[in-house]
């Protein structure tokens, strides 16, 4: 984590999910943290009825409303940098979280002072499936954490189905259950999800196709403990195979067009081919690729490369820059990548990525990423 940078979390979610309730808990609760909350895409439904652009709360938190330029209000807040520990950026209503996240990639001044910590999506356990069936799963696709609110309104079977659908869209996200949007802040803040070093810890389990429709994933609860459980999760569906029909004991009429594709393979990649393939992929499909991340083994180098991206914006790093350790002698080398997006073609992505492999003797171009 970059020293001195203020962490920022983007909070998104469907209308009525409990996002506003969560924000109000943060703005009024005695949690001991000084947090600035920025509302983006404000319409008539403000969290606080105030005409002030920056409003300080009794618990030391700050509420801001943005009717114009997010970069301007962030710059203004930085002048009060020693006054708070974290920034929450709430995308109000139907605002798209992607432009907010991309702000941290493109503005040089902000990159020196702020860091994007994670994207949190709040969903209503009772009604989330309706939103997903209406082809509005983007918020789930972007999420590093999904706050599954109002779990008291659904049965255990309904809850399992909700988690299954969330995981079919975004297999890398973690689900935190809660009621009335109450959750310990340490479970949703300070995650460092966009730090490149975190990608080195990426769990390979979700990349693998599991026989008999078994897929294991971590499932967190908002009341202070976590456990693992298995749910019926079809790898082909999660990978975006539109021709695959599935029967898990009961019928699902709607499977989202948004899904995750994971690829893992051994061998070394040719850097030039990889750059060309990624550039072409993002030019042609970048609008539909919401999130991407990966660990890479590059031919001719002992450095371990990592990347993550939001749409067309990619950030690369390597062990040469202090991100983890280089490949060790005798250590198995691998490539592990994930794409989350809409209408993904697993076969095309898999074939395209594997076309970037260096030939058997390791020859190939090794230009900078």
Protein backbone atom coordinates (compact mmCIF):
# COMPACT_ATOMS: atom_id res chain seq x y z
CA UNK A 1 0.00 0.00 0.00
CA UNK A 2 1.37 3.40 -0.94
CA UNK A 3 2.27 5.32 2.21
CA UNK A 4 0.35 8.51 2.83
CA UNK A 5 -2.34 7.91 0.23
CA UNK A 6 -5.96 8.19 1.34
CA UNK A 7 -7.91 5.00 0.49
CA UNK A 8 -11.15 5.43 -1.46
CA UNK A 9 -14.04 2.97 -1.73
CA UNK A 10 -16.71 3.22 -4.43
CA UNK A 11 -20.13 2.24 -3.03
CA UNK A 12 -22.77 1.25 -5.56
CA UNK A 13 -26.01 -0.70 -5.60
CA UNK A 14 -29.55 -0.90 -6.85
CA UNK A 15 -32.23 1.51 -5.70
CA UNK A 16 -33.77 0.30 -2.46
CA UNK A 17 -30.87 -2.01 -1.64
CA UNK A 18 -30.01 -0.28 1.62
CA UNK A 19 -27.08 1.73 0.31
CA UNK A 20 -28.43 4.97 1.77
CA UNK A 21 -28.98 3.24 5.12
CA UNK A 22 -25.36 2.07 5.11
CA UNK A 23 -24.12 5.57 4.35
CA UNK A 24 -26.25 7.05 7.12
CA UNK A 25 -24.84 4.50 9.59
CA UNK A 26 -21.35 5.63 8.62
CA UNK A 27 -22.18 9.33 8.84
CA UNK A 28 -23.82 9.09 12.26
CA UNK A 29 -22.34 6.02 13.97
CA UNK A 30 -19.71 6.06 16.72
CA UNK A 31 -17.15 3.92 14.92
CA UNK A 32 -14.09 6.02 15.68
CA UNK A 33 -13.22 6.60 12.03
CA UNK A 34 -13.22 9.90 10.19
CA UNK A 35 -14.69 9.18 6.79
CA UNK A 36 -15.59 11.52 3.96
CA UNK A 37 -18.67 10.43 2.00
CA UNK A 38 -19.12 11.84 -1.50
CA UNK A 39 -22.40 11.45 -3.36
CA UNK A 40 -22.01 11.22 -7.14
CA UNK A 41 -24.84 11.50 -9.65
CA UNK A 42 -27.08 13.21 -7.15
CA UNK A 43 -30.73 13.55 -8.03
CA UNK A 44 -33.57 14.56 -5.72
CA UNK A 45 -32.87 11.78 -3.23
CA UNK A 46 -30.00 13.11 -1.14
CA UNK A 47 -28.71 11.31 1.90
CA UNK A 48 -28.71 14.62 3.74
CA UNK A 49 -30.96 17.56 3.00
CA UNK A 50 -28.35 20.29 2.88
CA UNK A 51 -27.34 22.95 0.42
CA UNK A 52 -23.74 22.86 1.54
CA UNK A 53 -21.33 21.09 -0.77
CA UNK A 54 -19.23 19.90 2.18
CA UNK A 55 -20.99 19.20 5.47
CA UNK A 56 -19.24 17.99 8.64
CA UNK A 57 -21.06 15.49 10.84
CA UNK A 58 -21.05 15.26 14.63
CA UNK A 59 -18.96 12.07 14.57
CA UNK A 60 -16.20 13.75 12.55
CA UNK A 61 -17.23 12.33 9.20
CA UNK A 62 -17.79 14.59 6.21
CA UNK A 63 -20.64 14.42 3.69
CA UNK A 64 -20.16 15.93 0.24
CA UNK A 65 -22.54 16.24 -2.67
CA UNK A 66 -21.16 16.39 -6.20
CA UNK A 67 -23.23 18.16 -8.82
CA UNK A 68 -20.31 18.72 -11.11
CA UNK A 69 -16.74 17.52 -11.31
CA UNK A 70 -15.70 14.63 -9.05
CA UNK A 71 -12.02 15.45 -9.53
CA UNK A 72 -12.63 19.01 -8.34
CA UNK A 73 -14.37 17.90 -5.13
CA UNK A 74 -11.67 15.29 -4.43
CA UNK A 75 -9.00 17.95 -4.87
CA UNK A 76 -10.92 20.20 -2.49
CA UNK A 77 -11.14 17.40 0.07
CA UNK A 78 -7.41 16.74 -0.15
CA UNK A 79 -6.81 20.13 1.40
CA UNK A 80 -8.48 18.63 4.48
CA UNK A 81 -6.54 15.39 4.11
CA UNK A 82 -5.51 15.14 7.77
CA UNK A 83 -9.16 15.37 8.80
CA UNK A 84 -10.25 11.88 7.73
CA UNK A 85 -9.06 8.30 7.28
CA UNK A 86 -11.05 7.09 4.27
CA UNK A 87 -13.21 8.38 1.41
CA UNK A 88 -16.44 6.69 0.33
CA UNK A 89 -17.75 7.63 -3.10
CA UNK A 90 -21.42 6.73 -3.42
CA UNK A 91 -22.83 6.37 -6.92
CA UNK A 92 -26.40 7.44 -6.37
CA UNK A 93 -29.31 5.89 -8.20
CA UNK A 94 -28.32 4.37 -11.53
CA UNK A 95 -24.90 6.04 -11.82
CA UNK A 96 -22.28 3.80 -13.43
CA UNK A 97 -19.35 2.97 -11.09
CA UNK A 98 -16.86 2.59 -13.96
CA UNK A 99 -16.15 6.30 -14.64
CA UNK A 100 -15.65 6.86 -10.92
CA UNK A 101 -13.14 4.00 -10.71
CA UNK A 102 -11.37 5.16 -13.85
CA UNK A 103 -10.81 8.59 -12.29
CA UNK A 104 -8.06 7.05 -10.19
CA UNK A 105 -6.28 5.74 -13.29
CA UNK A 106 -6.27 8.90 -15.38
CA UNK A 107 -5.69 11.89 -13.07
CA UNK A 108 -2.01 12.25 -12.15
CA UNK A 109 -2.60 14.53 -9.16
CA UNK A 110 -5.12 12.15 -7.62
CA UNK A 111 -2.85 9.16 -8.18
CA UNK A 112 -0.20 10.78 -5.99
CA UNK A 113 -2.60 11.48 -3.11
CA UNK A 114 -5.39 8.89 -3.28
CA UNK A 115 -5.69 5.19 -4.00
CA UNK A 116 -8.72 3.21 -5.10
CA UNK A 117 -9.29 0.66 -2.34
CA UNK A 118 -12.24 -1.37 -3.62
CA UNK A 119 -15.73 -1.36 -5.11
CA UNK A 120 -18.56 -2.31 -2.74
CA UNK A 121 -22.01 -3.21 -4.07
CA UNK A 122 -25.05 -3.29 -1.78
CA UNK A 123 -27.86 -5.63 -2.87
CA UNK A 124 -31.31 -6.43 -1.49
CA UNK A 125 -31.53 -10.19 -0.93
CA UNK A 126 -35.29 -10.12 -1.54
CA UNK A 127 -35.25 -8.34 -4.90
CA UNK A 128 -31.74 -8.74 -6.36
CA UNK A 129 -32.79 -11.59 -8.67
CA UNK A 130 -35.34 -9.33 -10.35
CA UNK A 131 -32.59 -6.83 -11.14
CA UNK A 132 -30.33 -9.54 -12.49
CA UNK A 133 -33.16 -10.96 -14.61
CA UNK A 134 -33.69 -7.48 -16.06
CA UNK A 135 -30.11 -7.59 -17.35
CA UNK A 136 -28.78 -5.06 -14.84
CA UNK A 137 -25.95 -7.03 -13.25
CA UNK A 138 -23.18 -4.48 -13.85
CA UNK A 139 -22.91 -3.42 -10.20
CA UNK A 140 -22.32 -7.03 -9.16
CA UNK A 141 -19.75 -7.51 -11.93
CA UNK A 142 -17.66 -4.57 -10.71
CA UNK A 143 -17.76 -5.53 -7.02
CA UNK A 144 -14.86 -6.66 -4.87
CA UNK A 145 -17.39 -7.16 -2.07
CA UNK A 146 -21.16 -7.65 -2.27
CA UNK A 147 -23.08 -6.61 0.84
CA UNK A 148 -26.09 -8.93 0.83
CA UNK A 149 -28.61 -6.90 2.82
CA UNK A 150 -32.08 -7.81 4.15
CA UNK A 151 -31.27 -11.52 4.56
CA UNK A 152 -34.04 -11.73 7.17
CA UNK A 153 -36.57 -11.38 4.33
CA UNK A 154 -35.55 -14.54 2.46
CA UNK A 155 -35.38 -18.26 3.17
CA UNK A 156 -32.11 -20.19 3.29
CA UNK A 157 -32.91 -21.71 -0.10
CA UNK A 158 -33.60 -18.29 -1.61
CA UNK A 159 -30.38 -16.96 -0.13
CA UNK A 160 -28.35 -19.81 -1.61
CA UNK A 161 -29.84 -19.08 -5.02
CA UNK A 162 -28.95 -15.39 -4.68
CA UNK A 163 -25.35 -16.25 -3.81
CA UNK A 164 -25.20 -18.71 -6.72
CA UNK A 165 -26.35 -16.04 -9.16
CA UNK A 166 -23.92 -13.47 -7.78
CA UNK A 167 -21.06 -15.94 -8.10
CA UNK A 168 -22.09 -16.88 -11.65
CA UNK A 169 -21.59 -13.23 -12.57
CA UNK A 170 -18.49 -12.49 -10.50
CA UNK A 171 -16.66 -15.50 -9.14
CA UNK A 172 -13.95 -13.41 -7.46
CA UNK A 173 -16.22 -11.33 -5.24
CA UNK A 174 -16.90 -12.11 -1.58
CA UNK A 175 -20.44 -11.96 -0.22
CA UNK A 176 -21.09 -10.44 3.21
CA UNK A 177 -24.53 -11.02 4.71
CA UNK A 178 -26.21 -8.38 6.85
CA UNK A 179 -29.50 -6.93 8.06
CA UNK A 180 -30.42 -3.24 7.98
CA UNK A 181 -27.10 -2.58 6.21
CA UNK A 182 -25.19 -3.00 9.48
CA UNK A 183 -21.67 -4.31 9.02
CA UNK A 184 -18.32 -3.85 10.74
CA UNK A 185 -16.46 -1.23 8.72
CA UNK A 186 -13.23 -3.22 8.80
CA UNK A 187 -14.97 -5.82 6.64
CA UNK A 188 -15.63 -3.39 3.82
CA UNK A 189 -12.86 -0.77 4.14
CA UNK A 190 -9.10 -1.14 3.79
CA UNK A 191 -9.35 -4.12 1.44
CA UNK A 192 -6.59 -2.91 -0.93
CA UNK A 193 -8.35 -4.70 -3.79
CA UNK A 194 -6.74 -2.47 -6.42
CA UNK A 195 -3.21 -2.82 -5.06
CA UNK A 196 -1.30 -4.86 -7.61
CA UNK A 197 0.34 -6.92 -4.87
CA UNK A 198 -3.08 -8.24 -3.84
CA UNK A 199 -3.41 -9.89 -7.23
CA UNK A 200 -0.47 -12.13 -6.33
CA UNK A 201 -2.72 -13.70 -3.71
CA UNK A 202 -5.49 -14.37 -6.23
CA UNK A 203 -7.13 -17.68 -5.39
CA UNK A 204 -6.79 -20.08 -8.35
CA UNK A 205 -9.79 -22.16 -7.24
CA UNK A 206 -12.36 -20.09 -9.12
CA UNK A 207 -10.49 -20.53 -12.40
CA UNK A 208 -10.96 -24.25 -12.54
CA UNK A 209 -13.86 -26.09 -14.11
CA UNK A 210 -15.31 -28.42 -11.49
CA UNK A 211 -16.94 -31.70 -12.44
CA UNK A 212 -20.41 -32.51 -11.15
CA UNK A 213 -21.17 -28.80 -10.91
CA UNK A 214 -19.29 -28.41 -7.64
CA UNK A 215 -17.67 -25.07 -6.95
CA UNK A 216 -16.37 -23.99 -3.59
CA UNK A 217 -16.26 -20.36 -2.57
CA UNK A 218 -15.80 -18.22 0.48
CA UNK A 219 -18.97 -16.85 1.99
CA UNK A 220 -18.69 -14.12 4.63
CA UNK A 221 -21.24 -13.06 7.20
CA UNK A 222 -21.66 -9.55 8.57
CA UNK A 223 -21.92 -10.75 12.15
CA UNK A 224 -18.30 -11.50 12.74
CA UNK A 225 -17.40 -14.93 11.37
CA UNK A 226 -16.92 -16.62 8.05
CA UNK A 227 -17.14 -20.12 6.69
CA UNK A 228 -16.99 -21.97 3.42
CA UNK A 229 -19.81 -23.83 1.78
CA UNK A 230 -20.50 -25.42 -1.57
CA UNK A 231 -23.26 -24.43 -3.90
CA UNK A 232 -24.34 -25.68 -7.29
CA UNK A 233 -22.29 -23.49 -9.57
CA UNK A 234 -21.75 -24.43 -13.17
CA UNK A 235 -18.32 -23.48 -14.48
CA UNK A 236 -19.53 -23.35 -18.08
CA UNK A 237 -22.29 -20.92 -17.18
CA UNK A 238 -19.93 -18.80 -15.12
CA UNK A 239 -17.53 -18.78 -18.03
CA UNK A 240 -20.15 -17.38 -20.35
CA UNK A 241 -21.02 -20.36 -22.52
CA UNK A 242 -24.36 -19.32 -24.07
CA UNK A 243 -24.99 -22.73 -25.63
CA UNK A 244 -24.75 -24.62 -22.36
CA UNK A 245 -28.04 -25.64 -20.77
CA UNK A 246 -28.00 -26.47 -17.11
CA UNK A 247 -30.25 -28.26 -14.68
CA UNK A 248 -29.46 -27.99 -11.00
CA UNK A 249 -32.60 -29.66 -9.72
CA UNK A 250 -34.76 -26.64 -10.41
CA UNK A 251 -35.20 -24.36 -13.37
CA UNK A 252 -33.48 -20.99 -13.88
CA UNK A 253 -35.11 -19.19 -16.76
CA UNK A 254 -32.72 -16.24 -16.70
CA UNK A 255 -28.93 -16.52 -16.74
CA UNK A 256 -27.17 -13.20 -16.93
CA UNK A 257 -25.17 -12.13 -19.95
CA UNK A 258 -22.57 -10.90 -17.47
CA UNK A 259 -20.13 -13.57 -16.33
CA UNK A 260 -16.54 -14.36 -15.36
CA UNK A 261 -13.91 -16.13 -17.46
CA UNK A 262 -10.79 -17.49 -15.78
CA UNK A 263 -7.76 -18.82 -17.65
CA UNK A 264 -4.78 -20.60 -16.13
CA UNK A 265 -1.87 -22.14 -18.02
CA UNK A 266 1.81 -22.91 -17.65
CA UNK A 267 4.53 -21.66 -19.95
CA UNK A 268 5.93 -18.25 -20.82
CA UNK A 269 4.23 -15.40 -22.65
CA UNK A 270 5.76 -13.30 -25.38
CA UNK A 271 5.47 -9.70 -24.16
CA UNK A 272 4.98 -8.17 -27.60
CA UNK A 273 2.26 -10.63 -28.58
CA UNK A 274 0.57 -10.11 -25.21
CA UNK A 275 0.62 -6.33 -25.60
CA UNK A 276 -0.80 -6.56 -29.10
CA UNK A 277 -3.53 -9.00 -28.06
CA UNK A 278 -4.56 -6.99 -24.99
CA UNK A 279 -4.58 -3.75 -26.98
CA UNK A 280 -6.80 -5.24 -29.69
CA UNK A 281 -9.06 -6.94 -27.14
CA UNK A 282 -9.65 -3.75 -25.17
CA UNK A 283 -10.14 -1.64 -28.29
CA UNK A 284 -12.80 -4.02 -29.57
CA UNK A 285 -14.36 -5.34 -26.35
CA UNK A 286 -13.21 -2.95 -23.63
CA UNK A 287 -16.66 -1.46 -23.10
CA UNK A 288 -17.95 -4.94 -22.21
CA UNK A 289 -14.99 -5.98 -20.03
CA UNK A 290 -15.76 -4.48 -16.65
CA UNK A 291 -12.86 -5.85 -14.61
CA UNK A 292 -9.70 -7.77 -15.45
CA UNK A 293 -6.70 -8.97 -13.46
CA UNK A 294 -3.87 -11.39 -13.86
CA UNK A 295 -0.49 -12.86 -12.91
CA UNK A 296 1.89 -13.36 -15.83
CA UNK A 297 5.08 -15.28 -16.59
CA UNK A 298 6.98 -13.41 -19.32
CA UNK A 299 9.55 -15.19 -21.49
CA UNK A 300 13.15 -14.16 -20.83
CA UNK A 301 12.41 -12.66 -17.42
CA UNK A 302 12.48 -13.96 -13.87
CA UNK A 303 10.17 -11.13 -12.78
CA UNK A 304 6.56 -11.91 -11.93
CA UNK A 305 4.15 -9.53 -13.69
CA UNK A 306 0.69 -8.52 -12.49
CA UNK A 307 -2.06 -6.32 -13.91
CA UNK A 308 -5.58 -5.16 -13.22
CA UNK A 309 -8.00 -3.06 -15.19
CA UNK A 310 -11.36 -1.36 -15.43
CA UNK A 311 -12.67 -1.35 -19.00
CA UNK A 312 -9.87 0.01 -21.21
CA UNK A 313 -7.70 1.23 -18.33
CA UNK A 314 -4.94 -1.23 -17.40
CA UNK A 315 -2.23 -0.95 -14.76
CA UNK A 316 0.83 -3.20 -14.92
CA UNK A 317 3.54 -3.89 -12.36
CA UNK A 318 6.22 -6.47 -11.65
CA UNK A 319 8.46 -7.87 -8.94
CA UNK A 320 11.19 -5.62 -10.34
CA UNK A 321 9.15 -2.75 -8.87
CA UNK A 322 8.87 -4.41 -5.49
CA UNK A 323 5.55 -6.17 -6.10
CA UNK A 324 6.08 -9.53 -4.46
CA UNK A 325 8.99 -11.83 -5.24
CA UNK A 326 10.34 -12.88 -8.64
CA UNK A 327 9.95 -16.45 -9.81
CA UNK A 328 12.24 -18.64 -7.73
CA UNK A 329 14.54 -21.38 -9.12
CA UNK A 330 12.55 -24.58 -9.47
CA UNK A 331 9.25 -22.82 -8.76
CA UNK A 332 6.43 -23.78 -11.15
CA UNK A 333 5.67 -20.78 -13.35
CA UNK A 334 2.13 -20.08 -14.46
CA UNK A 335 -0.21 -17.51 -15.96
CA UNK A 336 -3.52 -16.77 -14.25
CA UNK A 337 -6.00 -14.20 -15.62
CA UNK A 338 -9.64 -13.27 -15.01
CA UNK A 339 -12.06 -11.27 -17.14
CA UNK A 340 -15.46 -10.14 -15.83
CA UNK A 341 -17.86 -8.64 -18.33
CA UNK A 342 -20.80 -8.90 -20.69
CA UNK A 343 -21.18 -11.41 -23.52
CA UNK A 344 -17.73 -12.86 -22.94
CA UNK A 345 -16.70 -15.68 -25.26
CA UNK A 346 -14.64 -18.10 -23.20
CA UNK A 347 -13.19 -19.94 -26.17
CA UNK A 348 -12.10 -16.75 -27.94
CA UNK A 349 -10.47 -15.38 -24.79
CA UNK A 350 -8.75 -18.67 -24.09
CA UNK A 351 -7.49 -19.06 -27.66
CA UNK A 352 -6.38 -15.44 -27.83
CA UNK A 353 -4.47 -15.60 -24.57
CA UNK A 354 -2.75 -18.86 -25.51
CA UNK A 355 -1.74 -17.37 -28.86
CA UNK A 356 0.51 -15.04 -26.86
CA UNK A 357 2.69 -17.92 -25.62
CA UNK A 358 6.35 -17.81 -26.61
CA UNK A 359 7.51 -20.71 -28.73
CA UNK A 360 9.13 -23.76 -27.19
CA UNK A 361 12.67 -22.38 -26.97
CA UNK A 362 11.45 -19.24 -25.19
CA UNK A 363 12.32 -16.89 -28.04
CA UNK A 364 10.19 -13.86 -28.70
CA UNK A 365 10.02 -10.14 -28.09
CA UNK A 366 10.11 -8.82 -24.57
CA UNK A 367 9.11 -5.20 -24.88
CA UNK A 368 7.96 -3.28 -21.83
CA UNK A 369 4.38 -3.67 -20.77
